Amino acid sequence: MLRISAEQRDGTWVLKLEGRLQGEWVGEVRRSWRHVRDAAPSAPIRVELADVQFVDVTGKVLLAEMHRVGVEITARGCLATAIRDEIVTGSSTPQSAVTARKPSGSALPIRGKMELK
């Protein structure tokens, strides 16, 4: 099940997705996107992965296609953010992991054994 909400916010059309983007729902998102794009060809479009728990391969392909033609993709939540990062960067490594600060060399190595009681 997928909920698709379309609304205009400050001149940008927003397609808000909630649920599982898979199977027949991918076609519904594509139709919604085309409808918005055809109705307002010059308006920017954003897809919000608001409460998305799963995206299948065809859903990822659609989101990547949308991103390539200029649709902004945003996400809320860890899973949706990882999915968005995979689409936007074209990598399976989340962008947040790529940009995370590396530990400094001043950390002391842990030696010996540690007992938990």
Protein backbone atom coordinates (compact mmCIF):
# COMPACT_ATOMS: atom_id res chain seq x y z
CA MET A 1 0.00 0.00 0.00
CA LEU A 2 1.22 3.47 -0.85
CA ARG A 3 -0.29 6.86 -0.19
CA ILE A 4 0.52 9.54 -2.76
CA SER A 5 -0.34 13.14 -1.93
CA ALA A 6 0.23 15.95 -4.42
CA GLU A 7 0.17 19.58 -3.38
CA GLN A 8 1.73 22.87 -4.37
CA ARG A 9 3.93 24.59 -1.80
CA ASP A 10 5.49 27.96 -2.59
CA GLY A 11 5.48 27.29 -6.33
CA THR A 12 6.90 23.75 -6.02
CA TRP A 13 4.79 20.68 -6.66
CA VAL A 14 5.35 18.11 -3.92
CA LEU A 15 4.58 14.41 -4.29
CA LYS A 16 4.56 12.98 -0.78
CA LEU A 17 4.95 9.20 -0.62
CA GLU A 18 4.02 7.13 2.42
CA GLY A 19 4.16 3.33 2.57
CA ARG A 20 5.75 0.78 0.25
CA LEU A 21 6.82 1.84 -3.26
CA GLN A 22 6.57 -1.45 -5.11
CA GLY A 23 4.73 -3.29 -7.86
CA GLU A 24 1.68 -1.50 -9.26
CA TRP A 25 2.30 1.53 -7.02
CA VAL A 26 5.38 2.42 -9.06
CA GLY A 27 3.08 2.99 -12.05
CA GLU A 28 0.80 5.15 -9.91
CA VAL A 29 3.74 7.35 -8.86
CA ARG A 30 4.82 7.61 -12.50
CA ARG A 31 1.29 8.67 -13.53
CA SER A 32 1.12 11.23 -10.70
CA TRP A 33 4.50 12.64 -11.69
CA ARG A 34 3.51 12.91 -15.37
CA HIS A 35 0.20 14.56 -14.46
CA VAL A 36 1.94 17.21 -12.34
CA ARG A 37 4.69 17.70 -14.93
CA ASP A 38 2.18 18.09 -17.77
CA ALA A 39 -0.07 20.45 -15.79
CA ALA A 40 2.80 22.75 -14.78
CA PRO A 41 5.79 22.09 -17.07
CA SER A 42 7.95 24.90 -15.66
CA ALA A 43 7.23 24.28 -11.96
CA PRO A 44 9.85 22.52 -9.87
CA ILE A 45 8.86 19.11 -8.49
CA ARG A 46 9.93 17.47 -5.25
CA VAL A 47 9.31 13.90 -4.10
CA GLU A 48 9.16 13.47 -0.34
CA LEU A 49 9.86 9.97 0.93
CA ALA A 50 7.91 10.74 4.09
CA ASP A 51 7.17 7.38 5.67
CA VAL A 52 8.52 4.95 3.11
CA GLN A 53 9.35 1.51 4.51
CA PHE A 54 10.39 -0.20 1.26
CA VAL A 55 11.25 0.58 -2.37
CA ASP A 56 11.63 -2.24 -4.87
CA VAL A 57 14.00 -2.19 -7.85
CA THR A 58 11.43 -0.68 -10.23
CA GLY A 59 10.67 2.02 -7.67
CA LYS A 60 14.37 2.86 -7.36
CA VAL A 61 14.67 3.01 -11.15
CA LEU A 62 11.73 5.44 -11.32
CA LEU A 63 13.13 7.65 -8.55
CA ALA A 64 16.54 7.67 -10.29
CA GLU A 65 14.88 8.66 -13.57
CA MET A 66 12.97 11.45 -11.84
CA HIS A 67 16.14 12.69 -10.15
CA ARG A 68 18.05 12.69 -13.48
CA VAL A 69 15.49 15.04 -15.02
CA GLY A 70 15.62 17.49 -12.13
CA VAL A 71 13.10 16.25 -9.56
CA GLU A 72 14.36 16.93 -6.03
CA ILE A 73 14.12 13.91 -3.73
CA THR A 74 13.92 14.43 0.02
CA ALA A 75 13.50 11.93 2.84
CA ARG A 76 12.47 11.62 6.45
CA GLY A 77 13.75 8.80 8.61
CA CYS A 78 16.83 6.59 8.45
CA LEU A 79 15.55 4.07 5.92
CA ALA A 80 14.09 6.65 3.56
CA THR A 81 17.29 8.70 3.81
CA ALA A 82 19.40 5.65 2.91
CA ILE A 83 17.15 4.96 -0.07
CA ARG A 84 17.33 8.61 -1.17
CA ASP A 85 21.12 8.63 -0.82
CA GLU A 86 21.39 5.50 -2.95
CA ILE A 87 19.26 7.12 -5.67
CA VAL A 88 20.93 10.55 -5.58
CA THR A 89 24.55 9.36 -5.38
CA GLY A 90 24.08 6.23 -7.49
CA SER A 91 25.78 4.24 -4.75
CA SER A 92 24.64 1.76 -2.14
CA THR A 93 26.77 3.55 0.46
CA PRO A 94 24.62 6.12 2.26
CA GLN A 95 25.80 9.71 1.73
CA SER A 96 25.74 10.24 5.49
CA ALA A 97 28.37 7.49 5.86
CA VAL A 98 30.51 9.03 3.13
CA THR A 99 30.43 12.50 4.67
CA ALA A 100 30.78 11.37 8.28
CA ARG A 101 33.79 12.83 10.06
CA LYS A 102 36.66 10.40 10.36
CA PRO A 103 37.99 9.80 13.88
CA SER A 104 41.14 11.70 14.74
CA GLY A 105 44.42 9.87 15.28
CA SER A 106 44.46 10.89 18.95
CA ALA A 107 42.19 8.05 20.08
CA LEU A 108 43.95 5.56 22.33
CA PRO A 109 43.90 1.92 21.27
CA ILE A 110 42.03 -0.46 23.57
CA ARG A 111 44.22 -3.21 24.95
CA GLY A 112 43.56 -6.15 27.18
CA LYS A 113 40.31 -7.81 28.09
CA MET A 114 37.21 -6.25 29.47
CA GLU A 115 34.86 -8.06 31.80
CA LEU A 116 31.21 -7.23 32.11
CA LYS A 117 29.51 -8.09 35.40
